[in-house]
PDB file of N, CA and C in Angstrom:
ATOM      1  N   UNK A   1      20.311 -32.741  10.345  1.00  0.00           N
ATOM      2  CA  UNK A   1      20.642 -31.964   9.192  1.00  0.00           C
ATOM      3  C   UNK A   1      22.072 -31.536   9.203  1.00  0.00           C
ATOM      4  N   UNK A   2      22.661 -31.408  10.406  1.00  0.00           N
ATOM      5  CA  UNK A   2      24.024 -30.902  10.456  1.00  0.00           C
ATOM      6  C   UNK A   2      25.032 -31.937   9.969  1.00  0.00           C
ATOM      7  N   UNK A   3      24.721 -33.205  10.149  1.00  0.00           N
ATOM      8  CA  UNK A   3      25.624 -34.261   9.711  1.00  0.00           C
ATOM      9  C   UNK A   3      25.766 -34.289   8.201  1.00  0.00           C
ATOM     10  N   UNK A   4      24.695 -34.020   7.490  1.00  0.00           N
ATOM     11  CA  UNK A   4      24.738 -34.031   6.026  1.00  0.00           C
ATOM     12  C   UNK A   4      25.607 -32.898   5.512  1.00  0.00           C
ATOM     13  N   UNK A   5      25.527 -31.745   6.171  1.00  0.00           N
ATOM     14  CA  UNK A   5      26.330 -30.596   5.744  1.00  0.00           C
ATOM     15  C   UNK A   5      27.799 -30.866   5.966  1.00  0.00           C
ATOM     16  N   UNK A   6      28.137 -31.419   7.117  1.00  0.00           N
ATOM     17  CA  UNK A   6      29.549 -31.670   7.398  1.00  0.00           C
ATOM     18  C   UNK A   6      30.100 -32.747   6.482  1.00  0.00           C
ATOM     19  N   UNK A   7      29.281 -33.724   6.127  1.00  0.00           N
ATOM     20  CA  UNK A   7      29.719 -34.770   5.212  1.00  0.00           C
ATOM     21  C   UNK A   7      30.021 -34.174   3.841  1.00  0.00           C
ATOM     22  N   UNK A   8      29.149 -33.290   3.391  1.00  0.00           N
ATOM     23  CA  UNK A   8      29.340 -32.656   2.096  1.00  0.00           C
ATOM     24  C   UNK A   8      30.563 -31.745   2.138  1.00  0.00           C
ATOM     25  N   UNK A   9      30.708 -30.999   3.218  1.00  0.00           N
ATOM     26  CA  UNK A   9      31.860 -30.110   3.310  1.00  0.00           C
ATOM     27  C   UNK A   9      33.138 -30.906   3.453  1.00  0.00           C
ATOM     28  N   UNK A  10      33.095 -32.078   4.116  1.00  0.00           N
ATOM     29  CA  UNK A  10      34.292 -32.918   4.208  1.00  0.00           C
ATOM     30  C   UNK A  10      34.696 -33.412   2.827  1.00  0.00           C
ATOM     31  N   UNK A  11      33.703 -33.803   2.030  1.00  0.00           N
ATOM     32  CA  UNK A  11      33.998 -34.259   0.675  1.00  0.00           C
ATOM     33  C   UNK A  11      34.601 -33.137  -0.156  1.00  0.00           C
ATOM     34  N   UNK A  12      34.092 -31.944   0.040  1.00  0.00           N
ATOM     35  CA  UNK A  12      34.616 -30.782  -0.674  1.00  0.00           C
ATOM     36  C   UNK A  12      36.041 -30.487  -0.240  1.00  0.00           C
ATOM     37  N   UNK A  13      36.293 -30.562   1.058  1.00  0.00           N
ATOM     38  CA  UNK A  13      37.648 -30.344   1.556  1.00  0.00           C
ATOM     39  C   UNK A  13      38.609 -31.378   1.001  1.00  0.00           C
ATOM     40  N   UNK A  14      38.168 -32.636   0.899  1.00  0.00           N
ATOM     41  CA  UNK A  14      39.025 -33.684   0.349  1.00  0.00           C
ATOM     42  C   UNK A  14      39.374 -33.383  -1.105  1.00  0.00           C
ATOM     43  N   UNK A  15      38.393 -32.900  -1.858  1.00  0.00           N
ATOM     44  CA  UNK A  15      38.657 -32.571  -3.257  1.00  0.00           C
ATOM     45  C   UNK A  15      39.612 -31.387  -3.380  1.00  0.00           C
ATOM     46  N   UNK A  16      39.426 -30.386  -2.523  1.00  0.00           N
ATOM     47  CA  UNK A  16      40.309 -29.217  -2.558  1.00  0.00           C
ATOM     48  C   UNK A  16      41.734 -29.577  -2.164  1.00  0.00           C
ATOM     49  N   UNK A  17      41.879 -30.530  -1.266  1.00  0.00           N
ATOM     50  CA  UNK A  17      43.217 -30.946  -0.820  1.00  0.00           C
ATOM     51  C   UNK A  17      43.869 -31.909  -1.796  1.00  0.00           C
ATOM     52  N   UNK A  18      43.133 -32.356  -2.790  1.00  0.00           N
ATOM     53  CA  UNK A  18      43.732 -33.246  -3.772  1.00  0.00           C
ATOM     54  C   UNK A  18      43.406 -34.697  -3.531  1.00  0.00           C
ATOM     55  N   UNK A  19      42.577 -35.020  -2.583  1.00  0.00           N
ATOM     56  CA  UNK A  19      42.246 -36.398  -2.291  1.00  0.00           C
ATOM     57  C   UNK A  19      40.895 -36.772  -2.849  1.00  0.00           C
ATOM     58  N   UNK A  20      40.522 -36.271  -3.979  1.00  0.00           N
ATOM     59  CA  UNK A  20      39.204 -36.532  -4.559  1.00  0.00           C
ATOM     60  C   UNK A  20      39.128 -37.963  -5.065  1.00  0.00           C
ATOM     61  N   UNK A  21      37.933 -38.506  -5.046  1.00  0.00           N
ATOM     62  CA  UNK A  21      37.726 -39.873  -5.497  1.00  0.00           C
ATOM     63  C   UNK A  21      37.896 -39.975  -7.011  1.00  0.00           C
ATOM     64  N   UNK A  22      37.373 -38.995  -7.761  1.00  0.00           N
ATOM     65  CA  UNK A  22      37.440 -39.003  -9.222  1.00  0.00           C
ATOM     66  C   UNK A  22      38.545 -38.072  -9.693  1.00  0.00           C
ATOM     67  N   UNK A  23      39.743 -38.394  -9.317  1.00  0.00           N
ATOM     68  CA  UNK A  23      40.874 -37.510  -9.615  1.00  0.00           C
ATOM     69  C   UNK A  23      41.330 -37.711 -11.055  1.00  0.00           C
ATOM     70  N   UNK A  24      41.321 -36.654 -11.847  1.00  0.00           N
ATOM     71  CA  UNK A  24      41.783 -36.716 -13.231  1.00  0.00           C
ATOM     72  C   UNK A  24      43.224 -36.247 -13.280  1.00  0.00           C
ATOM     73  N   UNK A  25      44.023 -36.881 -14.131  1.00  0.00           N
ATOM     74  CA  UNK A  25      45.422 -36.489 -14.292  1.00  0.00           C
ATOM     75  C   UNK A  25      45.595 -35.473 -15.419  1.00  0.00           C
ATOM     76  N   UNK A  26      44.493 -34.925 -15.907  1.00  0.00           N
ATOM     77  CA  UNK A  26      44.553 -33.971 -17.010  1.00  0.00           C
ATOM     78  C   UNK A  26      45.080 -32.627 -16.515  1.00  0.00           C
ATOM     79  N   UNK A  27      46.078 -32.085 -17.206  1.00  0.00           N
ATOM     80  CA  UNK A  27      46.643 -30.783 -16.874  1.00  0.00           C
ATOM     81  C   UNK A  27      45.878 -29.726 -17.667  1.00  0.00           C
ATOM     82  N   UNK A  28      45.089 -28.938 -16.984  1.00  0.00           N
ATOM     83  CA  UNK A  28      44.261 -27.942 -17.653  1.00  0.00           C
ATOM     84  C   UNK A  28      45.069 -26.793 -18.236  1.00  0.00           C
ATOM     85  N   UNK A  29      46.290 -26.602 -17.765  1.00  0.00           N
ATOM     86  CA  UNK A  29      47.102 -25.485 -18.224  1.00  0.00           C
ATOM     87  C   UNK A  29      48.191 -25.915 -19.196  1.00  0.00           C
ATOM     88  N   UNK A  30      48.182 -27.147 -19.626  1.00  0.00           N
ATOM     89  CA  UNK A  30      49.191 -27.642 -20.557  1.00  0.00           C
ATOM     90  C   UNK A  30      48.933 -27.065 -21.940  1.00  0.00           C
ATOM     91  N   UNK A  31      50.012 -26.911 -22.721  1.00  0.00           N
ATOM     92  CA  UNK A  31      49.880 -26.425 -24.087  1.00  0.00           C
ATOM     93  C   UNK A  31      49.261 -27.509 -24.949  1.00  0.00           C
ATOM     94  N   UNK A  32      48.347 -27.117 -25.769  1.00  0.00           N
ATOM     95  CA  UNK A  32      47.699 -28.036 -26.682  1.00  0.00           C
ATOM     96  C   UNK A  32      48.263 -27.749 -28.066  1.00  0.00           C
ATOM     97  N   UNK A  33      49.047 -28.673 -28.609  1.00  0.00           N
ATOM     98  CA  UNK A  33      49.742 -28.449 -29.871  1.00  0.00           C
ATOM     99  C   UNK A  33      48.788 -28.161 -31.020  1.00  0.00           C
ATOM    100  N   UNK A  34      47.656 -28.847 -31.055  1.00  0.00           N
ATOM    101  CA  UNK A  34      46.711 -28.630 -32.141  1.00  0.00           C
ATOM    102  C   UNK A  34      46.146 -27.216 -32.088  1.00  0.00           C
ATOM    103  N   UNK A  35      45.808 -26.746 -30.902  1.00  0.00           N
ATOM    104  CA  UNK A  35      45.280 -25.386 -30.765  1.00  0.00           C
ATOM    105  C   UNK A  35      46.346 -24.358 -31.108  1.00  0.00           C
ATOM    106  N   UNK A  36      47.591 -24.621 -30.715  1.00  0.00           N
ATOM    107  CA  UNK A  36      48.676 -23.684 -30.989  1.00  0.00           C
ATOM    108  C   UNK A  36      48.895 -23.549 -32.490  1.00  0.00           C
ATOM    109  N   UNK A  37      48.874 -24.674 -33.212  1.00  0.00           N
ATOM    110  CA  UNK A  37      49.051 -24.627 -34.667  1.00  0.00           C
ATOM    111  C   UNK A  37      47.886 -23.897 -35.331  1.00  0.00           C
ATOM    112  N   UNK A  38      46.688 -24.146 -34.854  1.00  0.00           N
ATOM    113  CA  UNK A  38      45.521 -23.469 -35.417  1.00  0.00           C
ATOM    114  C   UNK A  38      45.597 -21.965 -35.158  1.00  0.00           C
ATOM    115  N   UNK A  39      46.062 -21.583 -33.974  1.00  0.00           N
ATOM    116  CA  UNK A  39      46.213 -20.164 -33.647  1.00  0.00           C
ATOM    117  C   UNK A  39      47.263 -19.505 -34.533  1.00  0.00           C
ATOM    118  N   UNK A  40      48.370 -20.206 -34.775  1.00  0.00           N
ATOM    119  CA  UNK A  40      49.426 -19.657 -35.629  1.00  0.00           C
ATOM    120  C   UNK A  40      48.913 -19.442 -37.045  1.00  0.00           C
ATOM    121  N   UNK A  41      48.168 -20.416 -37.560  1.00  0.00           N
ATOM    122  CA  UNK A  41      47.620 -20.282 -38.907  1.00  0.00           C
ATOM    123  C   UNK A  41      46.636 -19.116 -38.984  1.00  0.00           C
ATOM    124  N   UNK A  42      45.809 -18.971 -37.965  1.00  0.00           N
ATOM    125  CA  UNK A  42      44.844 -17.872 -37.942  1.00  0.00           C
ATOM    126  C   UNK A  42      45.556 -16.529 -37.885  1.00  0.00           C
ATOM    127  N   UNK A  43      46.622 -16.439 -37.101  1.00  0.00           N
ATOM    128  CA  UNK A  43      47.384 -15.188 -36.999  1.00  0.00           C
ATOM    129  C   UNK A  43      48.042 -14.850 -38.338  1.00  0.00           C
ATOM    130  N   UNK A  44      48.602 -15.860 -39.027  1.00  0.00           N
ATOM    131  CA  UNK A  44      49.228 -15.627 -40.330  1.00  0.00           C
ATOM    132  C   UNK A  44      48.188 -15.125 -41.333  1.00  0.00           C
ATOM    133  N   UNK A  45      46.999 -15.713 -41.290  1.00  0.00           N
ATOM    134  CA  UNK A  45      45.937 -15.321 -42.214  1.00  0.00           C
ATOM    135  C   UNK A  45      45.500 -13.883 -41.952  1.00  0.00           C
ATOM    136  N   UNK A  46      45.364 -13.524 -40.670  1.00  0.00           N
ATOM    137  CA  UNK A  46      44.979 -12.156 -40.330  1.00  0.00           C
ATOM    138  C   UNK A  46      46.053 -11.157 -40.751  1.00  0.00           C
ATOM    139  N   UNK A  47      47.329 -11.535 -40.593  1.00  0.00           N
ATOM    140  CA  UNK A  47      48.429 -10.647 -40.984  1.00  0.00           C
ATOM    141  C   UNK A  47      48.417 -10.416 -42.492  1.00  0.00           C
ATOM    142  N   UNK A  48      48.171 -11.478 -43.251  1.00  0.00           N
ATOM    143  CA  UNK A  48      48.107 -11.330 -44.709  1.00  0.00           C
ATOM    144  C   UNK A  48      46.942 -10.445 -45.124  1.00  0.00           C
ATOM    145  N   UNK A  49      45.798 -10.604 -44.454  1.00  0.00           N
ATOM    146  CA  UNK A  49      44.640  -9.762 -44.763  1.00  0.00           C
ATOM    147  C   UNK A  49      44.923  -8.298 -44.431  1.00  0.00           C
ATOM    148  N   UNK A  50      45.624  -8.059 -43.328  1.00  0.00           N
ATOM    149  CA  UNK A  50      45.965  -6.692 -42.938  1.00  0.00           C
ATOM    150  C   UNK A  50      46.911  -6.058 -43.957  1.00  0.00           C
ATOM    151  N   UNK A  51      47.876  -6.844 -44.456  1.00  0.00           N
ATOM    152  CA  UNK A  51      48.792  -6.330 -45.473  1.00  0.00           C
ATOM    153  C   UNK A  51      48.040  -5.991 -46.753  1.00  0.00           C
ATOM    154  N   UNK A  52      47.088  -6.835 -47.117  1.00  0.00           N
ATOM    155  CA  UNK A  52      46.311  -6.589 -48.330  1.00  0.00           C
ATOM    156  C   UNK A  52      45.475  -5.309 -48.184  1.00  0.00           C
ATOM    157  N   UNK A  53      44.908  -5.100 -47.017  1.00  0.00           N
ATOM    158  CA  UNK A  53      44.135  -3.880 -46.776  1.00  0.00           C
ATOM    159  C   UNK A  53      45.037  -2.659 -46.794  1.00  0.00           C
ATOM    160  N   UNK A  54      46.252  -2.778 -46.269  1.00  0.00           N
ATOM    161  CA  UNK A  54      47.185  -1.650 -46.214  1.00  0.00           C
ATOM    162  C   UNK A  54      47.625  -1.231 -47.611  1.00  0.00           C
ATOM    163  N   UNK A  55      47.661  -2.158 -48.541  1.00  0.00           N
ATOM    164  CA  UNK A  55      48.093  -1.860 -49.903  1.00  0.00           C
ATOM    165  C   UNK A  55      46.992  -1.171 -50.712  1.00  0.00           C
ATOM    166  N   UNK A  56      45.788  -1.086 -50.161  1.00  0.00           N
ATOM    167  CA  UNK A  56      44.657  -0.465 -50.858  1.00  0.00           C
ATOM    168  C   UNK A  56      44.950   0.977 -51.218  1.00  0.00           C
ATOM    169  N   UNK A  57      44.208   1.497 -52.199  1.00  0.00           N
ATOM    170  CA  UNK A  57      44.444   2.852 -52.697  1.00  0.00           C
ATOM    171  C   UNK A  57      43.553   3.889 -52.028  1.00  0.00           C
ATOM    172  N   UNK A  58      43.022   3.603 -50.877  1.00  0.00           N
ATOM    173  CA  UNK A  58      42.168   4.585 -50.226  1.00  0.00           C
ATOM    174  C   UNK A  58      43.029   5.633 -49.506  1.00  0.00           C
ATOM    175  N   UNK A  59      42.559   6.876 -49.462  1.00  0.00           N
ATOM    176  CA  UNK A  59      43.346   7.953 -48.836  1.00  0.00           C
ATOM    177  C   UNK A  59      43.439   7.744 -47.318  1.00  0.00           C
ATOM    178  N   UNK A  60      44.457   8.314 -46.704  1.00  0.00           N
ATOM    179  CA  UNK A  60      44.594   8.174 -45.250  1.00  0.00           C
ATOM    180  C   UNK A  60      43.454   8.887 -44.519  1.00  0.00           C
ATOM    181  N   UNK A  61      43.143   8.388 -43.364  1.00  0.00           N
ATOM    182  CA  UNK A  61      42.070   8.976 -42.561  1.00  0.00           C
ATOM    183  C   UNK A  61      42.486  10.355 -42.066  1.00  0.00           C
ATOM    184  N   UNK A  62      41.522  11.262 -41.965  1.00  0.00           N
ATOM    185  CA  UNK A  62      41.808  12.620 -41.505  1.00  0.00           C
ATOM    186  C   UNK A  62      40.950  12.921 -40.290  1.00  0.00           C
ATOM    187  N   UNK A  63      41.479  13.746 -39.425  1.00  0.00           N
ATOM    188  CA  UNK A  63      40.765  14.168 -38.235  1.00  0.00           C
ATOM    189  C   UNK A  63      40.709  15.679 -38.216  1.00  0.00           C
ATOM    190  N   UNK A  64      39.535  16.216 -37.975  1.00  0.00           N
ATOM    191  CA  UNK A  64      39.358  17.657 -37.886  1.00  0.00           C
ATOM    192  C   UNK A  64      39.432  18.051 -36.412  1.00  0.00           C
ATOM    193  N   UNK A  65      40.362  18.924 -36.067  1.00  0.00           N
ATOM    194  CA  UNK A  65      40.571  19.338 -34.686  1.00  0.00           C
ATOM    195  C   UNK A  65      40.273  20.828 -34.558  1.00  0.00           C
ATOM    196  N   UNK A  66      39.514  21.188 -33.544  1.00  0.00           N
ATOM    197  CA  UNK A  66      39.238  22.594 -33.253  1.00  0.00           C
ATOM    198  C   UNK A  66      40.065  22.971 -32.040  1.00  0.00           C
ATOM    199  N   UNK A  67      40.883  24.003 -32.188  1.00  0.00           N
ATOM    200  CA  UNK A  67      41.780  24.438 -31.120  1.00  0.00           C
ATOM    201  C   UNK A  67      41.266  25.755 -30.557  1.00  0.00           C
ATOM    202  N   UNK A  68      40.963  25.781 -29.266  1.00  0.00           N
ATOM    203  CA  UNK A  68      40.556  27.011 -28.581  1.00  0.00           C
ATOM    204  C   UNK A  68      41.758  27.537 -27.809  1.00  0.00           C
ATOM    205  N   UNK A  69      42.194  28.754 -28.147  1.00  0.00           N
ATOM    206  CA  UNK A  69      43.357  29.360 -27.490  1.00  0.00           C
ATOM    207  C   UNK A  69      42.864  30.570 -26.698  1.00  0.00           C
ATOM    208  N   UNK A  70      43.055  30.500 -25.387  1.00  0.00           N
ATOM    209  CA  UNK A  70      42.640  31.612 -24.520  1.00  0.00           C
ATOM    210  C   UNK A  70      43.885  32.315 -23.999  1.00  0.00           C
ATOM    211  N   UNK A  71      43.827  33.646 -24.001  1.00  0.00           N
ATOM    212  CA  UNK A  71      44.961  34.424 -23.506  1.00  0.00           C
ATOM    213  C   UNK A  71      44.978  34.489 -21.991  1.00  0.00           C
ATOM    214  N   UNK A  72      46.093  34.982 -21.436  1.00  0.00           N
ATOM    215  CA  UNK A  72      46.213  35.111 -19.981  1.00  0.00           C
ATOM    216  C   UNK A  72      45.244  36.156 -19.438  1.00  0.00           C
ATOM    217  N   UNK A  73      45.080  37.229 -20.205  1.00  0.00           N
ATOM    218  CA  UNK A  73      44.169  38.293 -19.769  1.00  0.00           C
ATOM    219  C   UNK A  73      43.591  38.975 -21.007  1.00  0.00           C
ATOM    220  N   UNK A  74      42.867  40.082 -20.801  1.00  0.00           N
ATOM    221  CA  UNK A  74      42.226  40.756 -21.922  1.00  0.00           C
ATOM    222  C   UNK A  74      43.205  41.546 -22.779  1.00  0.00           C
ATOM    223  N   UNK A  75      44.465  41.631 -22.365  1.00  0.00           N
ATOM    224  CA  UNK A  75      45.460  42.381 -23.122  1.00  0.00           C
ATOM    225  C   UNK A  75      46.294  41.476 -24.044  1.00  0.00           C
ATOM    226  N   UNK A  76      46.058  40.183 -24.052  1.00  0.00           N
ATOM    227  CA  UNK A  76      46.802  39.255 -24.911  1.00  0.00           C
ATOM    228  C   UNK A  76      46.428  39.510 -26.369  1.00  0.00           C
ATOM    229  N   UNK A  77      47.444  39.647 -27.235  1.00  0.00           N
ATOM    230  CA  UNK A  77      47.233  39.909 -28.660  1.00  0.00           C
ATOM    231  C   UNK A  77      46.930  38.588 -29.365  1.00  0.00           C
ATOM    232  N   UNK A  78      45.642  38.329 -29.603  1.00  0.00           N
ATOM    233  CA  UNK A  78      45.238  37.053 -30.198  1.00  0.00           C
ATOM    234  C   UNK A  78      45.535  36.993 -31.696  1.00  0.00           C
ATOM    235  N   UNK A  79      45.658  38.139 -32.368  1.00  0.00           N
ATOM    236  CA  UNK A  79      46.029  38.155 -33.782  1.00  0.00           C
ATOM    237  C   UNK A  79      47.471  37.651 -33.924  1.00  0.00           C
ATOM    238  N   UNK A  80      48.340  38.139 -33.055  1.00  0.00           N
ATOM    239  CA  UNK A  80      49.732  37.663 -33.038  1.00  0.00           C
ATOM    240  C   UNK A  80      49.775  36.183 -32.641  1.00  0.00           C
ATOM    241  N   UNK A  81      48.900  35.797 -31.702  1.00  0.00           N
ATOM    242  CA  UNK A  81      48.834  34.398 -31.263  1.00  0.00           C
ATOM    243  C   UNK A  81      48.456  33.505 -32.443  1.00  0.00           C
ATOM    244  N   UNK A  82      47.521  33.955 -33.282  1.00  0.00           N
ATOM    245  CA  UNK A  82      47.129  33.167 -34.453  1.00  0.00           C
ATOM    246  C   UNK A  82      48.309  32.967 -35.396  1.00  0.00           C
ATOM    247  N   UNK A  83      49.092  34.022 -35.607  1.00  0.00           N
ATOM    248  CA  UNK A  83      50.282  33.914 -36.464  1.00  0.00           C
ATOM    249  C   UNK A  83      51.251  32.864 -35.905  1.00  0.00           C
ATOM    250  N   UNK A  84      51.428  32.889 -34.585  1.00  0.00           N
ATOM    251  CA  UNK A  84      52.343  31.932 -33.961  1.00  0.00           C
ATOM    252  C   UNK A  84      51.812  30.485 -34.060  1.00  0.00           C
ATOM    253  N   UNK A  85      50.512  30.337 -33.912  1.00  0.00           N
ATOM    254  CA  UNK A  85      49.913  28.996 -34.018  1.00  0.00           C
ATOM    255  C   UNK A  85      50.067  28.473 -35.436  1.00  0.00           C
ATOM    256  N   UNK A  86      49.835  29.329 -36.426  1.00  0.00           N
ATOM    257  CA  UNK A  86      49.930  28.896 -37.825  1.00  0.00           C
ATOM    258  C   UNK A  86      51.365  28.578 -38.233  1.00  0.00           C
ATOM    259  N   UNK A  87      52.350  29.031 -37.487  1.00  0.00           N
ATOM    260  CA  UNK A  87      53.748  28.707 -37.778  1.00  0.00           C
ATOM    261  C   UNK A  87      54.069  27.247 -37.452  1.00  0.00           C
ATOM    262  N   UNK A  88      53.232  26.619 -36.651  1.00  0.00           N
ATOM    263  CA  UNK A  88      53.450  25.212 -36.304  1.00  0.00           C
ATOM    264  C   UNK A  88      53.195  24.369 -37.546  1.00  0.00           C
ATOM    265  N   UNK A  89      54.203  23.596 -37.939  1.00  0.00           N
ATOM    266  CA  UNK A  89      54.090  22.761 -39.133  1.00  0.00           C
ATOM    267  C   UNK A  89      54.410  21.316 -38.772  1.00  0.00           C
ATOM    268  N   UNK A  90      53.554  20.421 -39.260  1.00  0.00           N
ATOM    269  CA  UNK A  90      53.757  18.989 -39.061  1.00  0.00           C
ATOM    270  C   UNK A  90      53.272  18.277 -40.317  1.00  0.00           C
ATOM    271  N   UNK A  91      53.697  17.038 -40.489  1.00  0.00           N
ATOM    272  CA  UNK A  91      53.258  16.230 -41.617  1.00  0.00           C
ATOM    273  C   UNK A  91      51.751  16.035 -41.575  1.00  0.00           C
ATOM    274  N   UNK A  92      51.058  16.423 -42.628  1.00  0.00           N
ATOM    275  CA  UNK A  92      49.621  16.228 -42.713  1.00  0.00           C
ATOM    276  C   UNK A  92      48.789  17.282 -42.004  1.00  0.00           C
ATOM    277  N   UNK A  93      49.423  18.266 -41.383  1.00  0.00           N
ATOM    278  CA  UNK A  93      48.695  19.300 -40.647  1.00  0.00           C
ATOM    279  C   UNK A  93      48.365  20.455 -41.585  1.00  0.00           C
ATOM    280  N   UNK A  94      47.084  20.746 -41.705  1.00  0.00           N
ATOM    281  CA  UNK A  94      46.627  21.869 -42.515  1.00  0.00           C
ATOM    282  C   UNK A  94      45.757  22.752 -41.631  1.00  0.00           C
ATOM    283  N   UNK A  95      46.136  24.019 -41.484  1.00  0.00           N
ATOM    284  CA  UNK A  95      45.334  24.956 -40.696  1.00  0.00           C
ATOM    285  C   UNK A  95      44.181  25.446 -41.550  1.00  0.00           C
ATOM    286  N   UNK A  96      43.023  25.568 -40.957  1.00  0.00           N
ATOM    287  CA  UNK A  96      41.820  26.019 -41.670  1.00  0.00           C
ATOM    288  C   UNK A  96      41.380  27.385 -41.190  1.00  0.00           C
ATOM    289  N   UNK A  97      40.083  27.545 -41.066  1.00  0.00           N
ATOM    290  CA  UNK A  97      39.485  28.826 -40.690  1.00  0.00           C
ATOM    291  C   UNK A  97      39.754  29.148 -39.223  1.00  0.00           C
ATOM    292  N   UNK A  98      39.707  30.431 -38.911  1.00  0.00           N
ATOM    293  CA  UNK A  98      39.898  30.866 -37.529  1.00  0.00           C
ATOM    294  C   UNK A  98      39.023  32.073 -37.268  1.00  0.00           C
ATOM    295  N   UNK A  99      38.847  32.401 -36.008  1.00  0.00           N
ATOM    296  CA  UNK A  99      38.065  33.568 -35.641  1.00  0.00           C
ATOM    297  C   UNK A  99      38.164  33.831 -34.154  1.00  0.00           C
ATOM    298  N   UNK A 100      37.778  35.034 -33.753  1.00  0.00           N
ATOM    299  CA  UNK A 100      37.784  35.398 -32.340  1.00  0.00           C
ATOM    300  C   UNK A 100      36.366  35.287 -31.803  1.00  0.00           C
ATOM    301  N   UNK A 101      36.233  34.673 -30.637  1.00  0.00           N
ATOM    302  CA  UNK A 101      34.923  34.509 -30.013  1.00  0.00           C
ATOM    303  C   UNK A 101      34.944  35.122 -28.622  1.00  0.00           C
ATOM    304  N   UNK A 102      33.842  35.720 -28.259  1.00  0.00           N
ATOM    305  CA  UNK A 102      33.697  36.334 -26.934  1.00  0.00           C
ATOM    306  C   UNK A 102      33.585  35.235 -25.873  1.00  0.00           C
ATOM    307  N   UNK A 103      34.383  35.354 -24.808  1.00  0.00           N
ATOM    308  CA  UNK A 103      34.334  34.396 -23.710  1.00  0.00           C
ATOM    309  C   UNK A 103      33.496  34.977 -22.570  1.00  0.00           C
ATOM    310  N   UNK A 104      33.736  36.227 -22.266  1.00  0.00           N
ATOM    311  CA  UNK A 104      33.018  36.897 -21.185  1.00  0.00           C
ATOM    312  C   UNK A 104      33.910  37.927 -20.536  1.00  0.00           C
ATOM    313  N   UNK A 105      33.296  38.931 -19.922  1.00  0.00           N
ATOM    314  CA  UNK A 105      34.034  39.999 -19.226  1.00  0.00           C
ATOM    315  C   UNK A 105      35.039  40.690 -20.146  1.00  0.00           C
ATOM    316  N   UNK A 106      34.696  40.813 -21.427  1.00  0.00           N
ATOM    317  CA  UNK A 106      35.562  41.517 -22.368  1.00  0.00           C
ATOM    318  C   UNK A 106      36.707  40.674 -22.906  1.00  0.00           C
ATOM    319  N   UNK A 107      36.795  39.420 -22.499  1.00  0.00           N
ATOM    320  CA  UNK A 107      37.881  38.547 -22.972  1.00  0.00           C
ATOM    321  C   UNK A 107      37.407  37.758 -24.196  1.00  0.00           C
ATOM    322  N   UNK A 108      38.342  37.466 -25.068  1.00  0.00           N
ATOM    323  CA  UNK A 108      38.056  36.694 -26.273  1.00  0.00           C
ATOM    324  C   UNK A 108      38.984  35.499 -26.336  1.00  0.00           C
ATOM    325  N   UNK A 109      38.603  34.546 -27.184  1.00  0.00           N
ATOM    326  CA  UNK A 109      39.471  33.381 -27.428  1.00  0.00           C
ATOM    327  C   UNK A 109      39.631  33.204 -28.927  1.00  0.00           C
ATOM    328  N   UNK A 110      40.727  32.619 -29.320  1.00  0.00           N
ATOM    329  CA  UNK A 110      41.000  32.307 -30.709  1.00  0.00           C
ATOM    330  C   UNK A 110      40.525  30.887 -30.957  1.00  0.00           C
ATOM    331  N   UNK A 111      39.663  30.710 -31.958  1.00  0.00           N
ATOM    332  CA  UNK A 111      39.188  29.387 -32.332  1.00  0.00           C
ATOM    333  C   UNK A 111      39.709  29.106 -33.732  1.00  0.00           C
ATOM    334  N   UNK A 112      40.506  28.035 -33.869  1.00  0.00           N
ATOM    335  CA  UNK A 112      41.142  27.739 -35.147  1.00  0.00           C
ATOM    336  C   UNK A 112      41.001  26.244 -35.425  1.00  0.00           C
ATOM    337  N   UNK A 113      40.728  25.940 -36.713  1.00  0.00           N
ATOM    338  CA  UNK A 113      40.591  24.537 -37.113  1.00  0.00           C
ATOM    339  C   UNK A 113      41.707  24.150 -38.056  1.00  0.00           C
TER     340      UNK A 113
END
């Protein structure tokens, strides 16, 4: 049984070293011009579809964010903190409702959307 294994492994070693009996000259990593052209056409088509979708009249997507602001200690003025947070202005940013919530041990947090 051992001779059959070594014969098979010898054949495998020959193939790995490049001395295979059925050696193909095909380069598996070569560029295929037909595939490249097909890929380019597909990419152009996808780009045109993306442009068409971008031109649509649908409103921009919105995200609702809840911001929890906790003070350093129980003496932090969260009403003043809310004023400072609302002073932050960015394109598309709209501040919504806010409120104070109990965290524990007499401390509160500012929750603002």
